[in-house]
Amino acid sequence: MMDASEEISPRLRPEKKPCADGESQQHSPASMVPVSKVLDDDNLLIEILLRVSFPTTLVCAALVCKRWLCHASDPKFLSLFRKRHPPRLLGFYIYIGSSWLWLGAPLLFVPMQPQPPELAPFICRVASHSFGADNDRLCIMDCRNGSLLIRCRRGTILTHGVHRPLCPQRDIDVIPPLPRAQYHGQKIFNTILSKEEGGVLSYLYMLAEFFSKPKIFRVRVYMLQGGVWCMHASATTQLPRLLTSLEVVLVDEKIYMADTFSDEIIVLDMTTSGFSTIPLPQGVNFHCVRTIMSRAGDASGVYLTHIHVKELQLCIWLHKGDNWLLVHTICLHQMWDNLRMLDQTLEDEHISFTCISNVGDNAEFVFLEMCGCIFYLDVTSKTLRKVHGVTVKDRPFNDVYPFMMIWPPKFPAPKDDPARNAM
């Protein structure tokens, strides 16, 4: 053992380096391993890239070299990245100024706050997006993965186009005229649905006709391919009663349809062109403002979110296989009391008029409207907060259209630069 009075050889003495505050800091030889030794290890590099918090930062990292781009854009890596960093909710669109949706109303983008500084430029880009001179005659038909399908009314002419606020350099994609009904039933219902496959967004148009004698329900589904609406599926069935209105959700190759005050969901399987029904959970009837369906991200089934008025409970079920699984039960009354302690402007007497405005995929979040305000419920953390105070001039009930960050991120094409690609 070396005596305390002996000096350490300069060759063995740790090097001292100045810190940011001017003090000296000792570094052991192990801490001076070149960074390249770490980054040259593919396994370590992947672990480092997985800890990048935002897809935008991941794209910047992919610009370093071809090798980093290869890792960042690998589908298996992106699957792991998405599980660790789900796409961010940047904000939501609502209509303002008119209580009649069919007349059209101005659109307002409300940013979600707080947000990390890294996302501020993208939120500003969405907030400043212009829909053109006819902004007071617009209707959102679909909002998914950074794209807005907008219906525009010019006099008696209706047109449809896809806007991408996060990509202002891209032109608006014009949607061709929608197919028309062939049989002119007693009642016609139509809607545009979207689906994602490999990060590519495609659109389907569902046209349903009801006939009262006999009670026939006929559905035709078209898919937009190469700028043309092509027949995708067609099916006909008999129903015990005439449907009044429908809420529709597309999950993989199945369309789930629920009628107001119904106790079951009608399912159209487009692969077999066959119908089936799913009874709702016991004690639940479908209500247009207190019940809503949402898709499961892994195409395993459909979520059902319902508010029990008497108990003031929000319940979320997942239908998977042949069963309903109750995955969340949230006491709105308790959350409301906690929120009122922070915001004295909220009145307790209006909580019974709580409505569901929208539910995110996998039922990760719920937008509620009560007391003339819009609230955001984080289902995972069981937290409720006000995100928009509706003024007197706003509509009494607002549909909320969540706007998410684009996924997967768009990576640049590798350049033919041998020096850069060799890293």
Protein backbone atom coordinates (compact mmCIF):
# COMPACT_ATOMS: atom_id res chain seq x y z
CA MET A 1 0.00 0.00 0.00
CA MET A 2 1.34 3.41 -0.88
CA ASP A 3 2.24 5.71 1.98
CA ALA A 4 0.24 8.93 2.24
CA SER A 5 3.43 10.92 1.97
CA GLU A 6 4.30 9.43 -1.41
CA GLU A 7 3.41 11.39 -4.53
CA ILE A 8 1.32 9.96 -7.34
CA SER A 9 3.11 9.74 -10.62
CA PRO A 10 1.92 12.35 -13.13
CA ARG A 11 1.23 9.55 -15.62
CA LEU A 12 -1.23 7.95 -13.16
CA ARG A 13 -2.76 11.13 -11.86
CA PRO A 14 -6.31 11.71 -13.31
CA GLU A 15 -6.54 14.60 -15.68
CA LYS A 16 -8.27 17.71 -14.37
CA LYS A 17 -10.67 19.52 -16.67
CA PRO A 18 -12.56 22.74 -16.03
CA CYS A 19 -16.30 22.47 -15.41
CA ALA A 20 -18.93 24.86 -16.67
CA ASP A 21 -18.72 26.82 -13.41
CA GLY A 22 -14.93 27.21 -13.68
CA GLU A 23 -14.06 24.60 -11.03
CA SER A 24 -11.71 21.74 -11.78
CA GLN A 25 -13.12 18.23 -12.16
CA GLN A 26 -11.27 14.93 -12.22
CA HIS A 27 -12.05 12.35 -14.88
CA SER A 28 -11.05 8.73 -14.54
CA PRO A 29 -9.53 6.93 -17.52
CA ALA A 30 -12.80 4.96 -17.91
CA SER A 31 -14.78 8.17 -18.38
CA MET A 32 -12.56 9.28 -21.23
CA VAL A 33 -13.59 6.52 -23.61
CA PRO A 34 -14.08 8.13 -27.02
CA VAL A 35 -17.72 8.78 -27.91
CA SER A 36 -17.14 7.03 -31.20
CA LYS A 37 -16.54 3.77 -29.32
CA VAL A 38 -20.10 3.99 -28.02
CA LEU A 39 -21.74 5.19 -31.20
CA ASP A 40 -20.02 2.50 -33.25
CA ASP A 41 -21.93 -0.12 -31.26
CA ASP A 42 -25.26 -0.56 -33.07
CA ASN A 43 -27.04 -1.86 -29.97
CA LEU A 44 -25.99 1.15 -27.90
CA LEU A 45 -26.83 3.53 -30.72
CA ILE A 46 -30.35 2.11 -30.97
CA GLU A 47 -30.81 2.52 -27.21
CA ILE A 48 -29.69 6.14 -27.49
CA LEU A 49 -32.07 6.83 -30.38
CA LEU A 50 -34.94 5.24 -28.45
CA ARG A 51 -34.47 7.86 -25.74
CA VAL A 52 -35.03 10.72 -28.16
CA SER A 53 -38.33 12.22 -27.01
CA PHE A 54 -39.83 13.54 -30.24
CA PRO A 55 -40.15 12.24 -33.82
CA THR A 56 -38.88 15.59 -35.07
CA THR A 57 -35.65 15.13 -33.11
CA LEU A 58 -35.41 11.58 -34.43
CA VAL A 59 -35.53 12.92 -37.98
CA CYS A 60 -32.72 15.36 -37.15
CA ALA A 61 -30.66 12.48 -35.76
CA ALA A 62 -31.27 10.50 -38.95
CA LEU A 63 -29.57 13.30 -40.92
CA VAL A 64 -26.20 12.49 -39.32
CA CYS A 65 -25.37 9.65 -41.70
CA LYS A 66 -26.82 6.77 -43.67
CA ARG A 67 -26.21 4.33 -40.81
CA TRP A 68 -28.21 6.42 -38.34
CA LEU A 69 -30.97 6.84 -40.93
CA CYS A 70 -31.09 3.08 -41.42
CA HIS A 71 -31.61 2.48 -37.68
CA ALA A 72 -34.10 5.34 -37.18
CA SER A 73 -36.31 4.33 -40.10
CA ASP A 74 -36.33 0.59 -39.38
CA PRO A 75 -39.97 -0.57 -38.85
CA LYS A 76 -39.07 -2.63 -35.75
CA PHE A 77 -37.31 0.37 -34.21
CA LEU A 78 -40.23 2.67 -35.03
CA SER A 79 -42.63 0.25 -33.36
CA LEU A 80 -40.56 0.38 -30.16
CA PHE A 81 -40.22 4.17 -30.43
CA ARG A 82 -43.99 4.65 -30.74
CA LYS A 83 -44.68 2.54 -27.66
CA ARG A 84 -42.25 4.64 -25.65
CA HIS A 85 -43.24 7.99 -27.22
CA PRO A 86 -46.85 7.92 -28.50
CA PRO A 87 -47.83 10.61 -31.04
CA ARG A 88 -48.48 13.92 -29.35
CA LEU A 89 -51.83 15.69 -29.28
CA LEU A 90 -50.98 19.16 -30.59
CA GLY A 91 -54.46 20.63 -30.15
CA PHE A 92 -57.98 20.40 -31.49
CA TYR A 93 -60.35 22.09 -33.92
CA ILE A 94 -63.84 23.32 -33.04
CA TYR A 95 -66.51 25.32 -34.81
CA ILE A 96 -67.34 28.78 -33.56
CA GLY A 97 -69.96 31.40 -34.25
CA SER A 98 -72.88 29.30 -35.53
CA SER A 99 -75.22 26.74 -34.05
CA TRP A 100 -76.14 25.30 -37.45
CA LEU A 101 -73.44 22.98 -38.69
CA TRP A 102 -74.98 22.53 -42.14
CA LEU A 103 -74.60 26.27 -42.75
CA GLY A 104 -70.90 26.03 -42.10
CA ALA A 105 -68.98 27.83 -39.36
CA PRO A 106 -65.46 29.23 -38.90
CA LEU A 107 -62.88 26.77 -37.61
CA LEU A 108 -60.77 27.52 -34.56
CA PHE A 109 -57.60 25.64 -33.65
CA VAL A 110 -57.01 25.43 -29.90
CA PRO A 111 -53.43 24.41 -28.93
CA MET A 112 -53.00 21.99 -26.05
CA GLN A 113 -50.99 23.52 -23.22
CA PRO A 114 -48.43 23.09 -21.84
CA GLN A 115 -46.26 21.76 -24.65
CA PRO A 116 -42.48 21.22 -24.82
CA PRO A 117 -40.55 23.97 -26.66
CA GLU A 118 -39.53 21.48 -29.37
CA LEU A 119 -43.14 21.35 -30.60
CA ALA A 120 -43.81 25.10 -30.55
CA PRO A 121 -42.93 25.65 -34.26
CA PHE A 122 -45.31 22.90 -35.35
CA ILE A 123 -48.16 24.19 -33.21
CA CYS A 124 -47.66 27.68 -34.67
CA ARG A 125 -47.71 26.16 -38.16
CA VAL A 126 -51.09 24.51 -37.51
CA ALA A 127 -52.56 27.57 -35.81
CA SER A 128 -51.60 29.80 -38.75
CA HIS A 129 -52.90 27.45 -41.44
CA SER A 130 -55.41 29.07 -43.76
CA PHE A 131 -58.25 27.13 -45.33
CA GLY A 132 -58.82 29.81 -47.95
CA ALA A 133 -61.39 32.49 -48.54
CA ASP A 134 -64.31 30.17 -47.73
CA ASN A 135 -63.29 29.60 -44.13
CA ASP A 136 -66.85 30.36 -43.00
CA ARG A 137 -68.32 27.58 -45.15
CA LEU A 138 -66.20 24.62 -44.06
CA CYS A 139 -67.00 21.33 -42.42
CA ILE A 140 -64.47 18.79 -41.09
CA MET A 141 -65.29 15.33 -42.38
CA ASP A 142 -62.22 13.57 -40.97
CA CYS A 143 -59.15 14.50 -38.94
CA ARG A 144 -56.38 11.93 -38.64
CA ASN A 145 -52.58 11.74 -38.63
CA GLY A 146 -51.98 15.39 -39.46
CA SER A 147 -54.54 15.46 -42.30
CA LEU A 148 -57.89 17.25 -42.42
CA LEU A 149 -60.56 16.20 -44.89
CA ILE A 150 -62.60 19.36 -45.44
CA ARG A 151 -65.96 19.82 -47.13
CA CYS A 152 -66.42 23.26 -48.64
CA ARG A 153 -69.76 24.71 -49.76
CA ARG A 154 -69.78 27.30 -52.52
CA GLY A 155 -73.40 28.11 -53.14
CA THR A 156 -75.03 24.77 -53.96
CA ILE A 157 -71.75 23.10 -54.94
CA LEU A 158 -69.92 20.88 -52.45
CA THR A 159 -66.23 20.10 -52.83
CA HIS A 160 -63.86 18.02 -50.70
CA GLY A 161 -60.13 18.41 -50.18
CA VAL A 162 -57.37 17.18 -47.87
CA HIS A 163 -55.38 19.84 -45.98
CA ARG A 164 -52.06 19.12 -44.24
CA PRO A 165 -51.29 22.06 -41.93
CA LEU A 166 -47.93 20.56 -40.88
CA CYS A 167 -46.82 20.41 -44.52
CA PRO A 168 -47.70 23.84 -45.95
CA GLN A 169 -45.52 23.20 -49.02
CA ARG A 170 -47.90 20.45 -50.17
CA ASP A 171 -50.89 21.36 -52.31
CA ILE A 172 -54.42 20.50 -51.26
CA ASP A 173 -55.48 17.08 -52.52
CA VAL A 174 -58.84 17.48 -54.26
CA ILE A 175 -61.27 14.63 -53.62
CA PRO A 176 -63.42 13.66 -56.63
CA PRO A 177 -67.23 13.97 -56.42
CA LEU A 178 -68.77 11.38 -54.11
CA PRO A 179 -70.78 8.47 -55.55
CA ARG A 180 -74.54 8.98 -55.53
CA ALA A 181 -77.30 6.77 -54.21
CA GLN A 182 -78.70 4.36 -56.77
CA TYR A 183 -81.98 3.27 -55.24
CA HIS A 184 -83.11 6.42 -53.40
CA GLY A 185 -84.35 4.77 -50.25
CA GLN A 186 -86.51 6.40 -47.63
CA LYS A 187 -83.45 7.64 -45.78
CA ILE A 188 -79.83 8.00 -46.83
CA PHE A 189 -76.77 8.18 -44.57
CA ASN A 190 -73.27 8.84 -45.88
CA THR A 191 -69.87 9.48 -44.34
CA ILE A 192 -66.18 9.47 -45.21
CA LEU A 193 -63.89 7.22 -43.17
CA SER A 194 -60.11 6.97 -43.05
CA LYS A 195 -57.71 4.11 -42.38
CA GLU A 196 -53.94 3.85 -41.99
CA GLU A 197 -51.81 1.14 -43.52
CA GLY A 198 -48.04 1.36 -43.21
CA GLY A 199 -48.23 5.06 -42.39
CA VAL A 200 -50.28 5.78 -45.53
CA LEU A 201 -53.72 7.35 -45.05
CA SER A 202 -56.52 6.16 -47.35
CA TYR A 203 -60.18 7.17 -47.53
CA LEU A 204 -63.40 5.18 -47.80
CA TYR A 205 -66.87 6.49 -48.54
CA MET A 206 -69.81 4.69 -46.94
CA LEU A 207 -73.27 5.13 -48.45
CA ALA A 208 -76.18 3.56 -46.55
CA GLU A 209 -79.85 3.46 -47.59
CA PHE A 210 -82.87 2.56 -45.47
CA PHE A 211 -86.11 1.15 -46.90
CA SER A 212 -89.18 1.00 -44.67
CA LYS A 213 -91.19 -1.65 -46.58
CA PRO A 214 -89.62 -4.06 -45.96
CA LYS A 215 -87.07 -2.73 -43.49
CA ILE A 216 -84.00 -3.17 -45.69
CA PHE A 217 -80.58 -1.77 -44.85
CA ARG A 218 -78.23 -1.55 -47.84
CA VAL A 219 -74.61 -0.40 -47.53
CA ARG A 220 -72.06 0.27 -50.25
CA VAL A 221 -68.45 1.18 -49.44
CA TYR A 222 -66.12 2.83 -51.95
CA MET A 223 -62.34 3.28 -51.65
CA LEU A 224 -60.43 6.18 -53.16
CA GLN A 225 -57.78 4.72 -55.47
CA GLY A 226 -55.77 6.80 -57.92
CA GLY A 227 -58.20 9.69 -57.68
CA VAL A 228 -61.24 7.49 -58.43
CA TRP A 229 -63.89 6.05 -56.09
CA CYS A 230 -63.87 2.27 -56.59
CA MET A 231 -66.36 -0.21 -55.16
CA HIS A 232 -64.82 -1.89 -52.11
CA ALA A 233 -67.72 -3.74 -50.47
CA SER A 234 -71.50 -4.06 -50.71
CA ALA A 235 -74.00 -5.77 -48.40
CA THR A 236 -77.73 -5.87 -47.64
CA THR A 237 -79.64 -7.05 -44.57
CA GLN A 238 -83.05 -6.78 -42.92
CA LEU A 239 -83.50 -4.83 -39.70
CA PRO A 240 -86.27 -5.04 -37.08
CA ARG A 241 -86.76 -1.26 -37.17
CA LEU A 242 -85.90 1.77 -39.23
CA LEU A 243 -82.66 3.47 -38.15
CA THR A 244 -82.78 7.17 -37.33
CA SER A 245 -79.10 8.20 -37.21
CA LEU A 246 -75.76 6.48 -37.13
CA GLU A 247 -72.37 6.87 -35.50
CA VAL A 248 -69.76 5.02 -37.52
CA VAL A 249 -66.23 3.81 -36.71
CA LEU A 250 -63.86 1.99 -39.06
CA VAL A 251 -61.49 -0.56 -37.50
CA ASP A 252 -59.36 -2.50 -39.98
CA GLU A 253 -61.86 -4.10 -42.40
CA LYS A 254 -64.89 -3.74 -40.13
CA ILE A 255 -67.36 -0.87 -39.90
CA TYR A 256 -69.12 -0.49 -36.55
CA MET A 257 -72.47 1.35 -36.67
CA ALA A 258 -74.58 2.43 -33.68
CA ASP A 259 -78.04 3.99 -33.85
CA THR A 260 -79.30 6.49 -31.26
CA PHE A 261 -81.07 4.80 -28.33
CA SER A 262 -80.16 1.37 -29.69
CA ASP A 263 -78.93 -1.44 -27.43
CA GLU A 264 -76.69 -3.07 -30.06
CA ILE A 265 -73.98 -2.27 -32.60
CA ILE A 266 -74.27 -3.32 -36.25
CA VAL A 267 -71.00 -4.58 -37.75
CA LEU A 268 -70.22 -4.81 -41.46
CA ASP A 269 -67.29 -7.10 -42.26
CA MET A 270 -66.04 -5.84 -45.62
CA THR A 271 -63.94 -8.96 -46.24
CA THR A 272 -67.04 -11.19 -46.24
CA SER A 273 -69.71 -8.57 -47.06
CA GLY A 274 -71.65 -9.87 -44.09
CA PHE A 275 -73.48 -8.22 -41.18
CA SER A 276 -73.47 -9.13 -37.50
CA THR A 277 -74.60 -7.45 -34.27
CA ILE A 278 -72.96 -6.85 -30.89
CA PRO A 279 -75.19 -6.31 -27.83
CA LEU A 280 -74.10 -3.33 -25.76
CA PRO A 281 -72.94 -3.89 -22.17
CA GLN A 282 -75.77 -4.52 -19.75
CA GLY A 283 -77.57 -1.36 -18.72
CA VAL A 284 -76.13 0.74 -21.58
CA ASN A 285 -78.14 2.28 -24.41
CA PHE A 286 -76.48 4.26 -27.14
CA HIS A 287 -76.95 8.00 -26.65
CA CYS A 288 -75.64 10.50 -29.19
CA VAL A 289 -73.96 12.85 -26.68
CA ARG A 290 -73.16 10.46 -23.82
CA THR A 291 -71.90 7.42 -25.71
CA ILE A 292 -69.18 7.24 -28.35
CA MET A 293 -67.17 4.54 -30.10
CA SER A 294 -63.45 4.74 -30.85
CA ARG A 295 -61.03 2.43 -32.57
CA ALA A 296 -58.47 0.17 -30.99
CA GLY A 297 -55.01 0.90 -32.36
CA ASP A 298 -54.09 -2.74 -32.93
CA ALA A 299 -57.32 -3.45 -34.86
CA SER A 300 -58.35 -5.86 -32.11
CA GLY A 301 -61.78 -4.36 -31.58
CA VAL A 302 -63.65 -1.22 -30.63
CA TYR A 303 -63.84 0.92 -27.49
CA LEU A 304 -67.12 2.20 -26.07
CA THR A 305 -67.12 5.24 -23.78
CA HIS A 306 -70.34 5.98 -21.90
CA ILE A 307 -71.45 8.37 -19.15
CA HIS A 308 -73.87 7.02 -16.56
CA VAL A 309 -75.87 10.15 -15.70
CA LYS A 310 -77.21 9.02 -12.32
CA GLU A 311 -73.86 7.85 -10.94
CA LEU A 312 -71.88 10.50 -12.86
CA GLN A 313 -69.41 7.82 -13.87
CA LEU A 314 -67.54 7.55 -17.13
CA CYS A 315 -67.06 3.91 -18.13
CA ILE A 316 -64.84 2.64 -20.93
CA TRP A 317 -65.30 -0.84 -22.40
CA LEU A 318 -63.24 -2.73 -24.95
CA HIS A 319 -64.97 -5.26 -27.18
CA LYS A 320 -62.47 -7.94 -28.07
CA GLY A 321 -63.45 -11.31 -29.42
CA ASP A 322 -67.02 -11.89 -28.24
CA ASN A 323 -66.89 -10.11 -24.89
CA TRP A 324 -66.99 -6.62 -23.39
CA LEU A 325 -64.18 -5.84 -20.98
CA LEU A 326 -64.64 -2.91 -18.58
CA VAL A 327 -61.19 -1.29 -18.65
CA HIS A 328 -61.84 2.04 -16.86
CA THR A 329 -64.38 3.44 -14.40
CA ILE A 330 -63.88 7.12 -13.61
CA CYS A 331 -65.89 9.14 -11.09
CA LEU A 332 -66.62 12.47 -12.78
CA HIS A 333 -68.16 13.98 -9.66
CA GLN A 334 -64.95 13.59 -7.68
CA MET A 335 -62.87 15.01 -10.54
CA TRP A 336 -65.30 17.90 -10.87
CA ASP A 337 -65.04 18.76 -7.17
CA ASN A 338 -61.24 18.79 -7.40
CA LEU A 339 -61.37 21.02 -10.47
CA ARG A 340 -63.82 23.49 -8.90
CA MET A 341 -61.37 24.04 -6.04
CA LEU A 342 -58.95 25.43 -8.63
CA ASP A 343 -61.48 27.24 -10.80
CA GLN A 344 -64.24 29.01 -8.86
CA THR A 345 -66.03 30.02 -12.08
CA LEU A 346 -67.31 26.46 -12.60
CA GLU A 347 -70.81 25.83 -11.29
CA ASP A 348 -71.72 22.48 -9.78
CA GLU A 349 -75.33 22.53 -10.95
CA HIS A 350 -74.40 21.97 -14.61
CA ILE A 351 -72.33 18.80 -14.22
CA SER A 352 -75.32 16.57 -15.02
CA PHE A 353 -75.28 17.99 -18.57
CA THR A 354 -71.85 16.55 -19.34
CA CYS A 355 -71.45 15.48 -22.98
CA ILE A 356 -68.73 13.50 -24.74
CA SER A 357 -67.27 15.46 -27.66
CA ASN A 358 -64.59 13.01 -28.81
CA VAL A 359 -62.47 10.05 -27.70
CA GLY A 360 -58.93 9.29 -28.86
CA ASP A 361 -57.75 6.02 -30.33
CA ASN A 362 -57.37 3.30 -27.70
CA ALA A 363 -59.52 5.57 -25.48
CA GLU A 364 -56.34 7.29 -24.28
CA PHE A 365 -58.11 10.62 -23.79
CA VAL A 366 -61.66 11.97 -23.73
CA PHE A 367 -62.94 15.45 -24.57
CA LEU A 368 -65.94 16.46 -22.46
CA GLU A 369 -68.19 19.48 -22.62
CA MET A 370 -69.91 20.85 -19.54
CA CYS A 371 -70.68 24.30 -18.14
CA GLY A 372 -70.20 25.68 -21.65
CA CYS A 373 -66.51 24.71 -21.55
CA ILE A 374 -64.40 21.94 -23.09
CA PHE A 375 -62.41 19.66 -20.79
CA TYR A 376 -59.62 17.19 -21.47
CA LEU A 377 -59.58 13.93 -19.55
CA ASP A 378 -56.32 11.99 -19.55
CA VAL A 379 -57.56 8.44 -19.04
CA THR A 380 -54.17 7.02 -18.07
CA SER A 381 -53.42 9.55 -15.33
CA LYS A 382 -57.10 10.09 -14.41
CA THR A 383 -56.72 13.88 -14.58
CA LEU A 384 -59.28 16.43 -15.82
CA ARG A 385 -58.55 19.99 -16.90
CA LYS A 386 -60.28 22.80 -18.77
CA VAL A 387 -58.78 23.46 -22.18
CA HIS A 388 -61.24 25.92 -23.71
CA GLY A 389 -63.79 28.35 -22.31
CA VAL A 390 -66.69 28.63 -24.73
CA THR A 391 -68.14 32.13 -25.12
CA VAL A 392 -71.82 32.99 -25.39
CA LYS A 393 -71.56 33.31 -29.18
CA ASP A 394 -70.16 29.79 -29.57
CA ARG A 395 -72.28 26.79 -30.35
CA PRO A 396 -74.09 25.18 -27.39
CA PHE A 397 -72.43 21.86 -28.22
CA ASN A 398 -69.09 21.57 -29.97
CA ASP A 399 -67.72 18.61 -31.87
CA VAL A 400 -64.01 18.39 -31.07
CA TYR A 401 -61.54 17.20 -33.70
CA PRO A 402 -58.19 16.23 -32.10
CA PHE A 403 -55.12 17.05 -34.19
CA MET A 404 -52.21 14.66 -33.66
CA MET A 405 -48.56 14.81 -34.65
CA ILE A 406 -47.81 12.88 -37.85
CA TRP A 407 -46.73 9.26 -37.46
CA PRO A 408 -44.53 7.71 -38.70
CA PRO A 409 -42.11 10.59 -39.25
CA LYS A 410 -41.04 11.43 -42.78
CA PHE A 411 -37.34 10.68 -43.20
CA PRO A 412 -35.22 12.30 -45.92
CA ALA A 413 -33.90 10.23 -48.80
CA PRO A 414 -30.20 9.37 -48.31
CA LYS A 415 -27.79 11.44 -50.39
CA ASP A 416 -24.95 9.97 -52.42
CA ASP A 417 -22.17 11.39 -50.25
CA PRO A 418 -19.51 8.70 -49.58
CA ALA A 419 -17.87 10.73 -46.79
CA ARG A 420 -21.17 11.31 -45.03
CA ASN A 421 -22.56 7.80 -45.56
CA ALA A 422 -19.42 6.10 -44.27
CA MET A 423 -19.94 7.31 -40.69
